[in-house]
Amino acid sequence: REAAAVGMKDPAGDEFVAAAVAVREPVTEEALISYCRGLLAAYKVPRRVVFMAELPKGPTGKTRITSGDIVP
């Protein structure tokens, strides 16, 4: 249904992409990452994917995801 990506830092301080995803059909994290590898540059492919029933929205209805929403 929808997805959002955020930048995060690993314990070593290196930055990486993480994604929050609300899906219609069941899908695995590995399948989504593999799909992204076929479409995106390597540095844009999420290293972590978190599944949510729906993505949080702000008062205006826009998707509002922060790194705090994606717990390690």
PDB file of N, CA and C in Angstrom:
ATOM      1  N   ARG A   1       0.812  -1.193   0.000  1.00  0.00           N
ATOM      2  CA  ARG A   1       0.000   0.000   0.000  1.00  0.00           C
ATOM      3  C   ARG A   1       0.850   1.249   0.000  1.00  0.00           C
ATOM      4  N   GLU A   2       1.749   1.357   1.006  1.00  0.00           N
ATOM      5  CA  GLU A   2       2.577   2.552   1.067  1.00  0.00           C
ATOM      6  C   GLU A   2       3.881   2.244   1.786  1.00  0.00           C
ATOM      7  N   ALA A   3       4.866   3.106   1.567  1.00  0.00           N
ATOM      8  CA  ALA A   3       6.179   2.922   2.182  1.00  0.00           C
ATOM      9  C   ALA A   3       6.826   4.278   2.390  1.00  0.00           C
ATOM     10  N   ALA A   4       7.744   4.322   3.350  1.00  0.00           N
ATOM     11  CA  ALA A   4       8.530   5.526   3.600  1.00  0.00           C
ATOM     12  C   ALA A   4       9.927   5.084   4.009  1.00  0.00           C
ATOM     13  N   ALA A   5      10.917   5.864   3.632  1.00  0.00           N
ATOM     14  CA  ALA A   5      12.305   5.545   3.963  1.00  0.00           C
ATOM     15  C   ALA A   5      12.896   6.654   4.819  1.00  0.00           C
ATOM     16  N   VAL A   6      13.782   6.252   5.732  1.00  0.00           N
ATOM     17  CA  VAL A   6      14.484   7.211   6.584  1.00  0.00           C
ATOM     18  C   VAL A   6      15.954   6.828   6.661  1.00  0.00           C
ATOM     19  N   GLY A   7      16.788   7.808   6.928  1.00  0.00           N
ATOM     20  CA  GLY A   7      18.204   7.554   7.157  1.00  0.00           C
ATOM     21  C   GLY A   7      18.435   7.227   8.621  1.00  0.00           C
ATOM     22  N   MET A   8      19.291   6.243   8.878  1.00  0.00           N
ATOM     23  CA  MET A   8      19.625   5.840  10.245  1.00  0.00           C
ATOM     24  C   MET A   8      21.130   5.667  10.347  1.00  0.00           C
ATOM     25  N   LYS A   9      21.625   5.507  11.572  1.00  0.00           N
ATOM     26  CA  LYS A   9      23.042   5.239  11.796  1.00  0.00           C
ATOM     27  C   LYS A   9      23.185   3.928  12.549  1.00  0.00           C
ATOM     28  N   ASP A  10      24.184   3.121  12.128  1.00  0.00           N
ATOM     29  CA  ASP A  10      24.465   1.889  12.844  1.00  0.00           C
ATOM     30  C   ASP A  10      25.388   2.221  14.023  1.00  0.00           C
ATOM     31  N   PRO A  11      25.696   1.235  14.887  1.00  0.00           N
ATOM     32  CA  PRO A  11      26.536   1.507  16.054  1.00  0.00           C
ATOM     33  C   PRO A  11      27.910   2.094  15.708  1.00  0.00           C
ATOM     34  N   ALA A  12      28.416   1.804  14.522  1.00  0.00           N
ATOM     35  CA  ALA A  12      29.717   2.342  14.106  1.00  0.00           C
ATOM     36  C   ALA A  12      29.597   3.781  13.593  1.00  0.00           C
ATOM     37  N   GLY A  13      28.359   4.290  13.485  1.00  0.00           N
ATOM     38  CA  GLY A  13      28.149   5.649  13.005  1.00  0.00           C
ATOM     39  C   GLY A  13      27.940   5.760  11.510  1.00  0.00           C
ATOM     40  N   ASP A  14      27.921   4.623  10.814  1.00  0.00           N
ATOM     41  CA  ASP A  14      27.689   4.637   9.368  1.00  0.00           C
ATOM     42  C   ASP A  14      26.195   4.792   9.092  1.00  0.00           C
ATOM     43  N   GLU A  15      25.872   5.572   8.072  1.00  0.00           N
ATOM     44  CA  GLU A  15      24.475   5.797   7.718  1.00  0.00           C
ATOM     45  C   GLU A  15      23.954   4.710   6.782  1.00  0.00           C
ATOM     46  N   PHE A  16      22.667   4.408   6.922  1.00  0.00           N
ATOM     47  CA  PHE A  16      22.018   3.449   6.032  1.00  0.00           C
ATOM     48  C   PHE A  16      20.546   3.813   5.910  1.00  0.00           C
ATOM     49  N   VAL A  17      19.892   3.208   4.932  1.00  0.00           N
ATOM     50  CA  VAL A  17      18.469   3.450   4.687  1.00  0.00           C
ATOM     51  C   VAL A  17      17.648   2.355   5.364  1.00  0.00           C
ATOM     52  N   ALA A  18      16.576   2.774   6.035  1.00  0.00           N
ATOM     53  CA  ALA A  18      15.599   1.848   6.599  1.00  0.00           C
ATOM     54  C   ALA A  18      14.234   2.239   6.036  1.00  0.00           C
ATOM     55  N   ALA A  19      13.351   1.262   5.925  1.00  0.00           N
ATOM     56  CA  ALA A  19      12.030   1.533   5.349  1.00  0.00           C
ATOM     57  C   ALA A  19      10.928   1.035   6.268  1.00  0.00           C
ATOM     58  N   ALA A  20       9.857   1.785   6.327  1.00  0.00           N
ATOM     59  CA  ALA A  20       8.626   1.362   6.991  1.00  0.00           C
ATOM     60  C   ALA A  20       7.620   1.095   5.878  1.00  0.00           C
ATOM     61  N   VAL A  21       6.959  -0.062   5.958  1.00  0.00           N
ATOM     62  CA  VAL A  21       6.101  -0.492   4.858  1.00  0.00           C
ATOM     63  C   VAL A  21       4.763  -1.004   5.395  1.00  0.00           C
ATOM     64  N   ALA A  22       3.682  -0.568   4.759  1.00  0.00           N
ATOM     65  CA  ALA A  22       2.349  -1.130   4.997  1.00  0.00           C
ATOM     66  C   ALA A  22       1.971  -1.850   3.705  1.00  0.00           C
ATOM     67  N   VAL A  23       1.747  -3.157   3.790  1.00  0.00           N
ATOM     68  CA  VAL A  23       1.509  -3.953   2.579  1.00  0.00           C
ATOM     69  C   VAL A  23       0.084  -4.507   2.552  1.00  0.00           C
ATOM     70  N   ARG A  24      -0.384  -4.807   1.350  1.00  0.00           N
ATOM     71  CA  ARG A  24      -1.691  -5.453   1.172  1.00  0.00           C
ATOM     72  C   ARG A  24      -1.558  -6.965   1.270  1.00  0.00           C
ATOM     73  N   GLU A  25      -0.518  -7.478   0.626  1.00  0.00           N
ATOM     74  CA  GLU A  25      -0.270  -8.921   0.582  1.00  0.00           C
ATOM     75  C   GLU A  25       0.948  -9.244   1.447  1.00  0.00           C
ATOM     76  N   PRO A  26       0.981 -10.414   2.071  1.00  0.00           N
ATOM     77  CA  PRO A  26       2.153 -10.791   2.859  1.00  0.00           C
ATOM     78  C   PRO A  26       3.415 -10.827   1.985  1.00  0.00           C
ATOM     79  N   VAL A  27       4.494 -10.300   2.512  1.00  0.00           N
ATOM     80  CA  VAL A  27       5.775 -10.286   1.811  1.00  0.00           C
ATOM     81  C   VAL A  27       6.878 -10.306   2.863  1.00  0.00           C
ATOM     82  N   THR A  28       8.017 -10.872   2.514  1.00  0.00           N
ATOM     83  CA  THR A  28       9.123 -10.934   3.465  1.00  0.00           C
ATOM     84  C   THR A  28      10.053  -9.737   3.295  1.00  0.00           C
ATOM     85  N   GLU A  29      10.806  -9.465   4.340  1.00  0.00           N
ATOM     86  CA  GLU A  29      11.805  -8.396   4.278  1.00  0.00           C
ATOM     87  C   GLU A  29      12.811  -8.684   3.166  1.00  0.00           C
ATOM     88  N   GLU A  30      13.243  -9.934   3.059  1.00  0.00           N
ATOM     89  CA  GLU A  30      14.218 -10.316   2.035  1.00  0.00           C
ATOM     90  C   GLU A  30      13.680 -10.068   0.630  1.00  0.00           C
ATOM     91  N   ALA A  31      12.400 -10.382   0.405  1.00  0.00           N
ATOM     92  CA  ALA A  31      11.802 -10.182  -0.917  1.00  0.00           C
ATOM     93  C   ALA A  31      11.738  -8.699  -1.275  1.00  0.00           C
ATOM     94  N   LEU A  32      11.387  -7.852  -0.316  1.00  0.00           N
ATOM     95  CA  LEU A  32      11.332  -6.410  -0.582  1.00  0.00           C
ATOM     96  C   LEU A  32      12.718  -5.841  -0.873  1.00  0.00           C
ATOM     97  N   ILE A  33      13.700  -6.261  -0.102  1.00  0.00           N
ATOM     98  CA  ILE A  33      15.066  -5.775  -0.324  1.00  0.00           C
ATOM     99  C   ILE A  33      15.566  -6.235  -1.684  1.00  0.00           C
ATOM    100  N   SER A  34      15.290  -7.473  -2.041  1.00  0.00           N
ATOM    101  CA  SER A  34      15.691  -7.987  -3.349  1.00  0.00           C
ATOM    102  C   SER A  34      15.026  -7.196  -4.471  1.00  0.00           C
ATOM    103  N   TYR A  35      13.745  -6.896  -4.321  1.00  0.00           N
ATOM    104  CA  TYR A  35      13.020  -6.094  -5.311  1.00  0.00           C
ATOM    105  C   TYR A  35      13.666  -4.716  -5.454  1.00  0.00           C
ATOM    106  N   CYS A  36      13.996  -4.100  -4.342  1.00  0.00           N
ATOM    107  CA  CYS A  36      14.637  -2.772  -4.370  1.00  0.00           C
ATOM    108  C   CYS A  36      15.998  -2.820  -5.055  1.00  0.00           C
ATOM    109  N   ARG A  37      16.742  -3.902  -4.839  1.00  0.00           N
ATOM    110  CA  ARG A  37      18.059  -4.030  -5.483  1.00  0.00           C
ATOM    111  C   ARG A  37      17.944  -3.998  -7.000  1.00  0.00           C
ATOM    112  N   GLY A  38      16.846  -4.498  -7.530  1.00  0.00           N
ATOM    113  CA  GLY A  38      16.641  -4.509  -8.973  1.00  0.00           C
ATOM    114  C   GLY A  38      16.262  -3.151  -9.542  1.00  0.00           C
ATOM    115  N   LEU A  39      15.862  -2.218  -8.686  1.00  0.00           N
ATOM    116  CA  LEU A  39      15.383  -0.911  -9.149  1.00  0.00           C
ATOM    117  C   LEU A  39      16.240   0.275  -8.724  1.00  0.00           C
ATOM    118  N   LEU A  40      16.941   0.138  -7.607  1.00  0.00           N
ATOM    119  CA  LEU A  40      17.620   1.285  -7.005  1.00  0.00           C
ATOM    120  C   LEU A  40      19.134   1.137  -6.997  1.00  0.00           C
ATOM    121  N   ALA A  41      19.816   2.264  -6.896  1.00  0.00           N
ATOM    122  CA  ALA A  41      21.261   2.246  -6.683  1.00  0.00           C
ATOM    123  C   ALA A  41      21.525   1.586  -5.328  1.00  0.00           C
ATOM    124  N   ALA A  42      22.670   0.935  -5.184  1.00  0.00           N
ATOM    125  CA  ALA A  42      22.979   0.165  -3.979  1.00  0.00           C
ATOM    126  C   ALA A  42      22.837   0.990  -2.700  1.00  0.00           C
ATOM    127  N   TYR A  43      23.256   2.246  -2.726  1.00  0.00           N
ATOM    128  CA  TYR A  43      23.195   3.057  -1.504  1.00  0.00           C
ATOM    129  C   TYR A  43      21.762   3.455  -1.126  1.00  0.00           C
ATOM    130  N   LYS A  44      20.818   3.272  -2.030  1.00  0.00           N
ATOM    131  CA  LYS A  44      19.414   3.601  -1.760  1.00  0.00           C
ATOM    132  C   LYS A  44      18.603   2.403  -1.267  1.00  0.00           C
ATOM    133  N   VAL A  45      19.152   1.209  -1.360  1.00  0.00           N
ATOM    134  CA  VAL A  45      18.434  -0.007  -0.964  1.00  0.00           C
ATOM    135  C   VAL A  45      18.372  -0.076   0.565  1.00  0.00           C
ATOM    136  N   PRO A  46      17.181  -0.265   1.133  1.00  0.00           N
ATOM    137  CA  PRO A  46      17.087  -0.331   2.596  1.00  0.00           C
ATOM    138  C   PRO A  46      17.812  -1.545   3.159  1.00  0.00           C
ATOM    139  N   ARG A  47      18.469  -1.330   4.288  1.00  0.00           N
ATOM    140  CA  ARG A  47      19.111  -2.433   5.002  1.00  0.00           C
ATOM    141  C   ARG A  47      18.155  -3.050   6.009  1.00  0.00           C
ATOM    142  N   ARG A  48      17.167  -2.288   6.399  1.00  0.00           N
ATOM    143  CA  ARG A  48      16.185  -2.770   7.371  1.00  0.00           C
ATOM    144  C   ARG A  48      14.797  -2.391   6.873  1.00  0.00           C
ATOM    145  N   VAL A  49      13.848  -3.318   7.054  1.00  0.00           N
ATOM    146  CA  VAL A  49      12.455  -3.056   6.685  1.00  0.00           C
ATOM    147  C   VAL A  49      11.586  -3.395   7.893  1.00  0.00           C
ATOM    148  N   VAL A  50      10.720  -2.465   8.260  1.00  0.00           N
ATOM    149  CA  VAL A  50       9.782  -2.671   9.359  1.00  0.00           C
ATOM    150  C   VAL A  50       8.373  -2.645   8.779  1.00  0.00           C
ATOM    151  N   PHE A  51       7.587  -3.651   9.113  1.00  0.00           N
ATOM    152  CA  PHE A  51       6.209  -3.731   8.627  1.00  0.00           C
ATOM    153  C   PHE A  51       5.264  -3.122   9.659  1.00  0.00           C
ATOM    154  N   MET A  52       4.334  -2.307   9.186  1.00  0.00           N
ATOM    155  CA  MET A  52       3.341  -1.668  10.052  1.00  0.00           C
ATOM    156  C   MET A  52       1.963  -1.890   9.443  1.00  0.00           C
ATOM    157  N   ALA A  53       0.938  -1.899  10.286  1.00  0.00           N
ATOM    158  CA  ALA A  53      -0.431  -2.022   9.781  1.00  0.00           C
ATOM    159  C   ALA A  53      -0.760  -0.818   8.901  1.00  0.00           C
ATOM    160  N   GLU A  54      -0.348   0.355   9.344  1.00  0.00           N
ATOM    161  CA  GLU A  54      -0.452   1.565   8.531  1.00  0.00           C
ATOM    162  C   GLU A  54       0.620   2.535   9.005  1.00  0.00           C
ATOM    163  N   LEU A  55       1.063   3.385   8.101  1.00  0.00           N
ATOM    164  CA  LEU A  55       2.107   4.340   8.443  1.00  0.00           C
ATOM    165  C   LEU A  55       1.495   5.515   9.205  1.00  0.00           C
ATOM    166  N   PRO A  56       2.221   6.025  10.212  1.00  0.00           N
ATOM    167  CA  PRO A  56       1.689   7.160  10.968  1.00  0.00           C
ATOM    168  C   PRO A  56       1.539   8.400  10.100  1.00  0.00           C
ATOM    169  N   LYS A  57       0.506   9.157  10.379  1.00  0.00           N
ATOM    170  CA  LYS A  57       0.213  10.376   9.618  1.00  0.00           C
ATOM    171  C   LYS A  57       0.231  11.579  10.562  1.00  0.00           C
ATOM    172  N   GLY A  58       0.618  12.719  10.015  1.00  0.00           N
ATOM    173  CA  GLY A  58       0.563  13.976  10.753  1.00  0.00           C
ATOM    174  C   GLY A  58      -0.828  14.577  10.640  1.00  0.00           C
ATOM    175  N   PRO A  59      -1.026  15.755  11.223  1.00  0.00           N
ATOM    176  CA  PRO A  59      -2.341  16.396  11.198  1.00  0.00           C
ATOM    177  C   PRO A  59      -2.851  16.722   9.792  1.00  0.00           C
ATOM    178  N   THR A  60      -1.938  16.880   8.839  1.00  0.00           N
ATOM    179  CA  THR A  60      -2.353  17.190   7.466  1.00  0.00           C
ATOM    180  C   THR A  60      -2.599  15.940   6.636  1.00  0.00           C
ATOM    181  N   GLY A  61      -2.387  14.752   7.237  1.00  0.00           N
ATOM    182  CA  GLY A  61      -2.607  13.508   6.517  1.00  0.00           C
ATOM    183  C   GLY A  61      -1.390  12.983   5.788  1.00  0.00           C
ATOM    184  N   LYS A  62      -0.266  13.694   5.886  1.00  0.00           N
ATOM    185  CA  LYS A  62       0.960  13.236   5.227  1.00  0.00           C
ATOM    186  C   LYS A  62       1.649  12.178   6.087  1.00  0.00           C
ATOM    187  N   THR A  63       2.323  11.243   5.426  1.00  0.00           N
ATOM    188  CA  THR A  63       3.073  10.217   6.134  1.00  0.00           C
ATOM    189  C   THR A  63       4.154  10.873   6.971  1.00  0.00           C
ATOM    190  N   ARG A  64       4.282  10.394   8.210  1.00  0.00           N
ATOM    191  CA  ARG A  64       5.238  10.988   9.138  1.00  0.00           C
ATOM    192  C   ARG A  64       6.041   9.872   9.802  1.00  0.00           C
ATOM    193  N   ILE A  65       7.205   9.575   9.241  1.00  0.00           N
ATOM    194  CA  ILE A  65       8.073   8.521   9.756  1.00  0.00           C
ATOM    195  C   ILE A  65       9.384   9.147  10.207  1.00  0.00           C
ATOM    196  N   THR A  66       9.865   8.723  11.373  1.00  0.00           N
ATOM    197  CA  THR A  66      11.188   9.135  11.844  1.00  0.00           C
ATOM    198  C   THR A  66      11.978   7.881  12.178  1.00  0.00           C
ATOM    199  N   SER A  67      13.273   8.047  12.414  1.00  0.00           N
ATOM    200  CA  SER A  67      14.093   6.887  12.762  1.00  0.00           C
ATOM    201  C   SER A  67      13.605   6.251  14.059  1.00  0.00           C
ATOM    202  N   GLY A  68      12.949   7.017  14.930  1.00  0.00           N
ATOM    203  CA  GLY A  68      12.395   6.463  16.164  1.00  0.00           C
ATOM    204  C   GLY A  68      11.263   5.481  15.926  1.00  0.00           C
ATOM    205  N   ASP A  69      10.616   5.578  14.772  1.00  0.00           N
ATOM    206  CA  ASP A  69       9.541   4.646  14.426  1.00  0.00           C
ATOM    207  C   ASP A  69      10.085   3.292  13.985  1.00  0.00           C
ATOM    208  N   ILE A  70      11.363   3.263  13.632  1.00  0.00           N
ATOM    209  CA  ILE A  70      11.989   2.035  13.143  1.00  0.00           C
ATOM    210  C   ILE A  70      12.996   1.590  14.191  1.00  0.00           C
ATOM    211  N   VAL A  71      12.549   0.728  15.078  1.00  0.00           N
ATOM    212  CA  VAL A  71      13.367   0.283  16.200  1.00  0.00           C
ATOM    213  C   VAL A  71      14.322  -0.803  15.735  1.00  0.00           C
ATOM    214  N   PRO A  72      15.597  -0.713  16.157  1.00  0.00           N
ATOM    215  CA  PRO A  72      16.569  -1.756  15.742  1.00  0.00           C
ATOM    216  C   PRO A  72      16.183  -3.138  16.205  1.00  0.00           C
TER     217      PRO A  72
END
